[in-house]
Amino acid sequence: MENEKTAPKKTTKSGKTIKITQIHSVICCTPKQRATMKALGFHTMNQTKIMPDNDAIRGMIKVVKHLVKVEE
């Protein structure tokens, strides 16, 4: 039986993921951009997340493209 506290896999059905790194602060951003960064899970500078490569994540990245660096 699988433990409920194990982290979920970060892959989609196709198995593609992207690496997103916050490179700028959200101090001078609009509330929408701050909310998007929070939804992506960023809290501090130079924080990196590995996310599934899907349309929802790509749309969020488009809103904050000046704040993050994306690696395929």
PDB file of N, CA and C in Angstrom:
ATOM      1  N   MET A   1       0.830  -1.176   0.000  1.00  0.00           N
ATOM      2  CA  MET A   1       0.000   0.000   0.000  1.00  0.00           C
ATOM      3  C   MET A   1       0.877   1.242   0.000  1.00  0.00           C
ATOM      4  N   GLU A   2       0.541   2.207  -0.839  1.00  0.00           N
ATOM      5  CA  GLU A   2       1.360   3.399  -0.985  1.00  0.00           C
ATOM      6  C   GLU A   2       1.067   4.386   0.144  1.00  0.00           C
ATOM      7  N   ASN A   3       2.110   4.990   0.663  1.00  0.00           N
ATOM      8  CA  ASN A   3       1.972   5.971   1.726  1.00  0.00           C
ATOM      9  C   ASN A   3       1.328   7.241   1.183  1.00  0.00           C
ATOM     10  N   GLU A   4       0.369   7.810   1.906  1.00  0.00           N
ATOM     11  CA  GLU A   4      -0.336   9.007   1.449  1.00  0.00           C
ATOM     12  C   GLU A   4       0.548  10.240   1.449  1.00  0.00           C
ATOM     13  N   LYS A   5       1.621  10.241   2.211  1.00  0.00           N
ATOM     14  CA  LYS A   5       2.474  11.412   2.328  1.00  0.00           C
ATOM     15  C   LYS A   5       3.585  11.454   1.284  1.00  0.00           C
ATOM     16  N   THR A   6       3.645  10.485   0.404  1.00  0.00           N
ATOM     17  CA  THR A   6       4.674  10.514  -0.626  1.00  0.00           C
ATOM     18  C   THR A   6       4.360  11.614  -1.627  1.00  0.00           C
ATOM     19  N   ALA A   7       5.381  12.234  -2.140  1.00  0.00           N
ATOM     20  CA  ALA A   7       5.199  13.334  -3.084  1.00  0.00           C
ATOM     21  C   ALA A   7       4.676  12.797  -4.411  1.00  0.00           C
ATOM     22  N   PRO A   8       3.751  13.507  -5.029  1.00  0.00           N
ATOM     23  CA  PRO A   8       3.244  13.056  -6.327  1.00  0.00           C
ATOM     24  C   PRO A   8       4.302  13.227  -7.405  1.00  0.00           C
ATOM     25  N   LYS A   9       4.214  12.419  -8.426  1.00  0.00           N
ATOM     26  CA  LYS A   9       5.161  12.531  -9.524  1.00  0.00           C
ATOM     27  C   LYS A   9       4.934  13.838 -10.264  1.00  0.00           C
ATOM     28  N   LYS A  10       6.001  14.440 -10.741  1.00  0.00           N
ATOM     29  CA  LYS A  10       5.926  15.729 -11.410  1.00  0.00           C
ATOM     30  C   LYS A  10       5.932  15.580 -12.922  1.00  0.00           C
ATOM     31  N   THR A  11       5.423  14.494 -13.431  1.00  0.00           N
ATOM     32  CA  THR A  11       5.408  14.289 -14.876  1.00  0.00           C
ATOM     33  C   THR A  11       3.980  14.205 -15.377  1.00  0.00           C
ATOM     34  N   THR A  12       3.806  14.572 -16.622  1.00  0.00           N
ATOM     35  CA  THR A  12       2.510  14.439 -17.254  1.00  0.00           C
ATOM     36  C   THR A  12       2.468  13.111 -17.987  1.00  0.00           C
ATOM     37  N   LYS A  13       1.399  12.848 -18.693  1.00  0.00           N
ATOM     38  CA  LYS A  13       1.295  11.598 -19.437  1.00  0.00           C
ATOM     39  C   LYS A  13       2.405  11.485 -20.471  1.00  0.00           C
ATOM     40  N   SER A  14       2.794  12.621 -21.052  1.00  0.00           N
ATOM     41  CA  SER A  14       3.872  12.600 -22.033  1.00  0.00           C
ATOM     42  C   SER A  14       5.236  12.573 -21.345  1.00  0.00           C
ATOM     43  N   GLY A  15       5.273  12.873 -20.048  1.00  0.00           N
ATOM     44  CA  GLY A  15       6.523  12.812 -19.305  1.00  0.00           C
ATOM     45  C   GLY A  15       7.354  14.069 -19.384  1.00  0.00           C
ATOM     46  N   LYS A  16       6.841  15.141 -19.975  1.00  0.00           N
ATOM     47  CA  LYS A  16       7.619  16.365 -20.128  1.00  0.00           C
ATOM     48  C   LYS A  16       7.471  17.248 -18.901  1.00  0.00           C
ATOM     49  N   THR A  17       8.585  17.813 -18.456  1.00  0.00           N
ATOM     50  CA  THR A  17       8.578  18.760 -17.356  1.00  0.00           C
ATOM     51  C   THR A  17       9.405  19.974 -17.756  1.00  0.00           C
ATOM     52  N   ILE A  18       9.191  21.081 -17.051  1.00  0.00           N
ATOM     53  CA  ILE A  18       9.994  22.281 -17.261  1.00  0.00           C
ATOM     54  C   ILE A  18      10.518  22.749 -15.915  1.00  0.00           C
ATOM     55  N   LYS A  19      11.672  23.389 -15.958  1.00  0.00           N
ATOM     56  CA  LYS A  19      12.317  23.909 -14.758  1.00  0.00           C
ATOM     57  C   LYS A  19      12.136  25.424 -14.768  1.00  0.00           C
ATOM     58  N   ILE A  20      11.510  25.962 -13.717  1.00  0.00           N
ATOM     59  CA  ILE A  20      11.218  27.386 -13.631  1.00  0.00           C
ATOM     60  C   ILE A  20      11.972  27.957 -12.440  1.00  0.00           C
ATOM     61  N   THR A  21      12.695  29.065 -12.657  1.00  0.00           N
ATOM     62  CA  THR A  21      13.460  29.709 -11.598  1.00  0.00           C
ATOM     63  C   THR A  21      13.042  31.163 -11.485  1.00  0.00           C
ATOM     64  N   GLN A  22      12.771  31.622 -10.273  1.00  0.00           N
ATOM     65  CA  GLN A  22      12.430  33.029 -10.065  1.00  0.00           C
ATOM     66  C   GLN A  22      13.718  33.834 -10.083  1.00  0.00           C
ATOM     67  N   ILE A  23      13.798  34.841 -10.975  1.00  0.00           N
ATOM     68  CA  ILE A  23      15.024  35.628 -11.110  1.00  0.00           C
ATOM     69  C   ILE A  23      14.842  37.084 -10.700  1.00  0.00           C
ATOM     70  N   HIS A  24      13.597  37.543 -10.513  1.00  0.00           N
ATOM     71  CA  HIS A  24      13.336  38.914 -10.091  1.00  0.00           C
ATOM     72  C   HIS A  24      12.327  38.926  -8.950  1.00  0.00           C
ATOM     73  N   SER A  25      12.335  40.028  -8.206  1.00  0.00           N
ATOM     74  CA  SER A  25      11.430  40.176  -7.077  1.00  0.00           C
ATOM     75  C   SER A  25      10.037  40.584  -7.539  1.00  0.00           C
ATOM     76  N   VAL A  26       9.034  40.328  -6.700  1.00  0.00           N
ATOM     77  CA  VAL A  26       7.656  40.692  -7.016  1.00  0.00           C
ATOM     78  C   VAL A  26       7.252  42.005  -6.339  1.00  0.00           C
ATOM     79  N   ILE A  27       8.208  42.763  -5.831  1.00  0.00           N
ATOM     80  CA  ILE A  27       7.910  43.991  -5.099  1.00  0.00           C
ATOM     81  C   ILE A  27       7.150  44.994  -5.967  1.00  0.00           C
ATOM     82  N   CYS A  28       7.575  45.226  -7.170  1.00  0.00           N
ATOM     83  CA  CYS A  28       6.950  46.238  -8.031  1.00  0.00           C
ATOM     84  C   CYS A  28       5.995  45.621  -9.056  1.00  0.00           C
ATOM     85  N   CYS A  29       5.366  44.535  -8.711  1.00  0.00           N
ATOM     86  CA  CYS A  29       4.475  43.849  -9.642  1.00  0.00           C
ATOM     87  C   CYS A  29       3.019  44.167  -9.331  1.00  0.00           C
ATOM     88  N   THR A  30       2.174  43.877 -10.298  1.00  0.00           N
ATOM     89  CA  THR A  30       0.738  44.047 -10.105  1.00  0.00           C
ATOM     90  C   THR A  30       0.212  42.922  -9.209  1.00  0.00           C
ATOM     91  N   PRO A  31      -0.946  43.120  -8.596  1.00  0.00           N
ATOM     92  CA  PRO A  31      -1.516  42.049  -7.762  1.00  0.00           C
ATOM     93  C   PRO A  31      -1.759  40.752  -8.531  1.00  0.00           C
ATOM     94  N   LYS A  32      -2.111  40.851  -9.811  1.00  0.00           N
ATOM     95  CA  LYS A  32      -2.321  39.654 -10.622  1.00  0.00           C
ATOM     96  C   LYS A  32      -1.016  38.863 -10.773  1.00  0.00           C
ATOM     97  N   GLN A  33       0.089  39.567 -10.992  1.00  0.00           N
ATOM     98  CA  GLN A  33       1.374  38.897 -11.142  1.00  0.00           C
ATOM     99  C   GLN A  33       1.824  38.277  -9.822  1.00  0.00           C
ATOM    100  N   ARG A  34       1.583  38.960  -8.721  1.00  0.00           N
ATOM    101  CA  ARG A  34       1.928  38.400  -7.409  1.00  0.00           C
ATOM    102  C   ARG A  34       1.132  37.128  -7.135  1.00  0.00           C
ATOM    103  N   ALA A  35      -0.153  37.161  -7.477  1.00  0.00           N
ATOM    104  CA  ALA A  35      -0.997  35.985  -7.272  1.00  0.00           C
ATOM    105  C   ALA A  35      -0.542  34.816  -8.141  1.00  0.00           C
ATOM    106  N   THR A  36      -0.105  35.117  -9.356  1.00  0.00           N
ATOM    107  CA  THR A  36       0.388  34.071 -10.254  1.00  0.00           C
ATOM    108  C   THR A  36       1.661  33.439  -9.706  1.00  0.00           C
ATOM    109  N   MET A  37       2.574  34.256  -9.187  1.00  0.00           N
ATOM    110  CA  MET A  37       3.804  33.717  -8.607  1.00  0.00           C
ATOM    111  C   MET A  37       3.483  32.850  -7.387  1.00  0.00           C
ATOM    112  N   LYS A  38       2.516  33.259  -6.599  1.00  0.00           N
ATOM    113  CA  LYS A  38       2.117  32.469  -5.444  1.00  0.00           C
ATOM    114  C   LYS A  38       1.491  31.150  -5.892  1.00  0.00           C
ATOM    115  N   ALA A  39       0.691  31.203  -6.957  1.00  0.00           N
ATOM    116  CA  ALA A  39       0.064  29.982  -7.481  1.00  0.00           C
ATOM    117  C   ALA A  39       1.108  29.016  -8.037  1.00  0.00           C
ATOM    118  N   LEU A  40       2.184  29.554  -8.589  1.00  0.00           N
ATOM    119  CA  LEU A  40       3.272  28.706  -9.073  1.00  0.00           C
ATOM    120  C   LEU A  40       4.101  28.141  -7.919  1.00  0.00           C
ATOM    121  N   GLY A  41       3.959  28.724  -6.725  1.00  0.00           N
ATOM    122  CA  GLY A  41       4.650  28.196  -5.547  1.00  0.00           C
ATOM    123  C   GLY A  41       5.941  28.905  -5.210  1.00  0.00           C
ATOM    124  N   PHE A  42       6.163  30.093  -5.751  1.00  0.00           N
ATOM    125  CA  PHE A  42       7.398  30.820  -5.479  1.00  0.00           C
ATOM    126  C   PHE A  42       7.240  31.729  -4.279  1.00  0.00           C
ATOM    127  N   HIS A  43       8.277  31.747  -3.415  1.00  0.00           N
ATOM    128  CA  HIS A  43       8.269  32.588  -2.228  1.00  0.00           C
ATOM    129  C   HIS A  43       9.532  33.431  -2.131  1.00  0.00           C
ATOM    130  N   THR A  44      10.659  32.927  -2.626  1.00  0.00           N
ATOM    131  CA  THR A  44      11.925  33.638  -2.481  1.00  0.00           C
ATOM    132  C   THR A  44      12.653  33.700  -3.820  1.00  0.00           C
ATOM    133  N   MET A  45      13.624  34.588  -3.881  1.00  0.00           N
ATOM    134  CA  MET A  45      14.441  34.727  -5.074  1.00  0.00           C
ATOM    135  C   MET A  45      15.285  33.466  -5.290  1.00  0.00           C
ATOM    136  N   ASN A  46      15.582  33.194  -6.548  1.00  0.00           N
ATOM    137  CA  ASN A  46      16.409  32.061  -6.970  1.00  0.00           C
ATOM    138  C   ASN A  46      15.830  30.706  -6.576  1.00  0.00           C
ATOM    139  N   GLN A  47      14.553  30.665  -6.284  1.00  0.00           N
ATOM    140  CA  GLN A  47      13.885  29.403  -5.984  1.00  0.00           C
ATOM    141  C   GLN A  47      13.551  28.707  -7.297  1.00  0.00           C
ATOM    142  N   THR A  48      13.720  27.406  -7.361  1.00  0.00           N
ATOM    143  CA  THR A  48      13.486  26.640  -8.576  1.00  0.00           C
ATOM    144  C   THR A  48      12.400  25.605  -8.341  1.00  0.00           C
ATOM    145  N   LYS A  49      11.526  25.459  -9.319  1.00  0.00           N
ATOM    146  CA  LYS A  49      10.445  24.472  -9.270  1.00  0.00           C
ATOM    147  C   LYS A  49      10.475  23.659 -10.556  1.00  0.00           C
ATOM    148  N   ILE A  50      10.172  22.391 -10.446  1.00  0.00           N
ATOM    149  CA  ILE A  50      10.000  21.543 -11.616  1.00  0.00           C
ATOM    150  C   ILE A  50       8.513  21.271 -11.743  1.00  0.00           C
ATOM    151  N   MET A  51       7.948  21.710 -12.863  1.00  0.00           N
ATOM    152  CA  MET A  51       6.509  21.641 -13.069  1.00  0.00           C
ATOM    153  C   MET A  51       6.211  20.839 -14.329  1.00  0.00           C
ATOM    154  N   PRO A  52       5.001  20.275 -14.422  1.00  0.00           N
ATOM    155  CA  PRO A  52       4.617  19.595 -15.661  1.00  0.00           C
ATOM    156  C   PRO A  52       4.458  20.607 -16.791  1.00  0.00           C
ATOM    157  N   ASP A  53       4.816  20.203 -17.981  1.00  0.00           N
ATOM    158  CA  ASP A  53       4.730  21.089 -19.147  1.00  0.00           C
ATOM    159  C   ASP A  53       3.333  20.955 -19.752  1.00  0.00           C
ATOM    160  N   ASN A  54       2.413  21.815 -19.297  1.00  0.00           N
ATOM    161  CA  ASN A  54       1.058  21.795 -19.838  1.00  0.00           C
ATOM    162  C   ASN A  54       0.595  23.225 -20.111  1.00  0.00           C
ATOM    163  N   ASP A  55      -0.577  23.363 -20.696  1.00  0.00           N
ATOM    164  CA  ASP A  55      -1.072  24.677 -21.095  1.00  0.00           C
ATOM    165  C   ASP A  55      -1.334  25.596 -19.909  1.00  0.00           C
ATOM    166  N   ALA A  56      -1.797  25.073 -18.800  1.00  0.00           N
ATOM    167  CA  ALA A  56      -2.087  25.899 -17.628  1.00  0.00           C
ATOM    168  C   ALA A  56      -0.808  26.540 -17.083  1.00  0.00           C
ATOM    169  N   ILE A  57       0.240  25.747 -16.953  1.00  0.00           N
ATOM    170  CA  ILE A  57       1.512  26.264 -16.447  1.00  0.00           C
ATOM    171  C   ILE A  57       2.106  27.252 -17.445  1.00  0.00           C
ATOM    172  N   ARG A  58       2.039  26.930 -18.736  1.00  0.00           N
ATOM    173  CA  ARG A  58       2.562  27.839 -19.765  1.00  0.00           C
ATOM    174  C   ARG A  58       1.832  29.184 -19.743  1.00  0.00           C
ATOM    175  N   GLY A  59       0.521  29.176 -19.483  1.00  0.00           N
ATOM    176  CA  GLY A  59      -0.236  30.414 -19.392  1.00  0.00           C
ATOM    177  C   GLY A  59       0.196  31.254 -18.203  1.00  0.00           C
ATOM    178  N   MET A  60       0.461  30.601 -17.067  1.00  0.00           N
ATOM    179  CA  MET A  60       0.933  31.332 -15.894  1.00  0.00           C
ATOM    180  C   MET A  60       2.327  31.911 -16.136  1.00  0.00           C
ATOM    181  N   ILE A  61       3.170  31.160 -16.820  1.00  0.00           N
ATOM    182  CA  ILE A  61       4.517  31.647 -17.123  1.00  0.00           C
ATOM    183  C   ILE A  61       4.442  32.867 -18.036  1.00  0.00           C
ATOM    184  N   LYS A  62       3.503  32.876 -18.956  1.00  0.00           N
ATOM    185  CA  LYS A  62       3.343  34.000 -19.880  1.00  0.00           C
ATOM    186  C   LYS A  62       3.015  35.296 -19.133  1.00  0.00           C
ATOM    187  N   VAL A  63       2.254  35.189 -18.035  1.00  0.00           N
ATOM    188  CA  VAL A  63       1.887  36.364 -17.244  1.00  0.00           C
ATOM    189  C   VAL A  63       3.100  36.943 -16.519  1.00  0.00           C
ATOM    190  N   VAL A  64       4.013  36.085 -16.072  1.00  0.00           N
ATOM    191  CA  VAL A  64       5.168  36.536 -15.279  1.00  0.00           C
ATOM    192  C   VAL A  64       6.491  36.249 -15.988  1.00  0.00           C
ATOM    193  N   LYS A  65       6.497  36.310 -17.304  1.00  0.00           N
ATOM    194  CA  LYS A  65       7.694  35.941 -18.069  1.00  0.00           C
ATOM    195  C   LYS A  65       8.910  36.808 -17.749  1.00  0.00           C
ATOM    196  N   HIS A  66       8.690  38.032 -17.268  1.00  0.00           N
ATOM    197  CA  HIS A  66       9.799  38.919 -16.927  1.00  0.00           C
ATOM    198  C   HIS A  66      10.375  38.625 -15.538  1.00  0.00           C
ATOM    199  N   LEU A  67       9.727  37.765 -14.777  1.00  0.00           N
ATOM    200  CA  LEU A  67      10.171  37.437 -13.427  1.00  0.00           C
ATOM    201  C   LEU A  67      10.830  36.069 -13.312  1.00  0.00           C
ATOM    202  N   VAL A  68      10.671  35.229 -14.318  1.00  0.00           N
ATOM    203  CA  VAL A  68      11.158  33.852 -14.229  1.00  0.00           C
ATOM    204  C   VAL A  68      12.043  33.496 -15.408  1.00  0.00           C
ATOM    205  N   LYS A  69      12.827  32.440 -15.212  1.00  0.00           N
ATOM    206  CA  LYS A  69      13.636  31.849 -16.276  1.00  0.00           C
ATOM    207  C   LYS A  69      13.133  30.423 -16.455  1.00  0.00           C
ATOM    208  N   VAL A  70      12.873  30.033 -17.697  1.00  0.00           N
ATOM    209  CA  VAL A  70      12.312  28.719 -17.982  1.00  0.00           C
ATOM    210  C   VAL A  70      13.322  27.899 -18.764  1.00  0.00           C
ATOM    211  N   GLU A  71      13.554  26.665 -18.313  1.00  0.00           N
ATOM    212  CA  GLU A  71      14.424  25.732 -19.010  1.00  0.00           C
ATOM    213  C   GLU A  71      13.610  24.503 -19.380  1.00  0.00           C
ATOM    214  N   GLU A  72      13.726  24.080 -20.620  1.00  0.00           N
ATOM    215  CA  GLU A  72      12.951  22.922 -21.107  1.00  0.00           C
ATOM    216  C   GLU A  72      13.526  21.635 -20.547  1.00  0.00           C
TER     217      GLU A  72
END
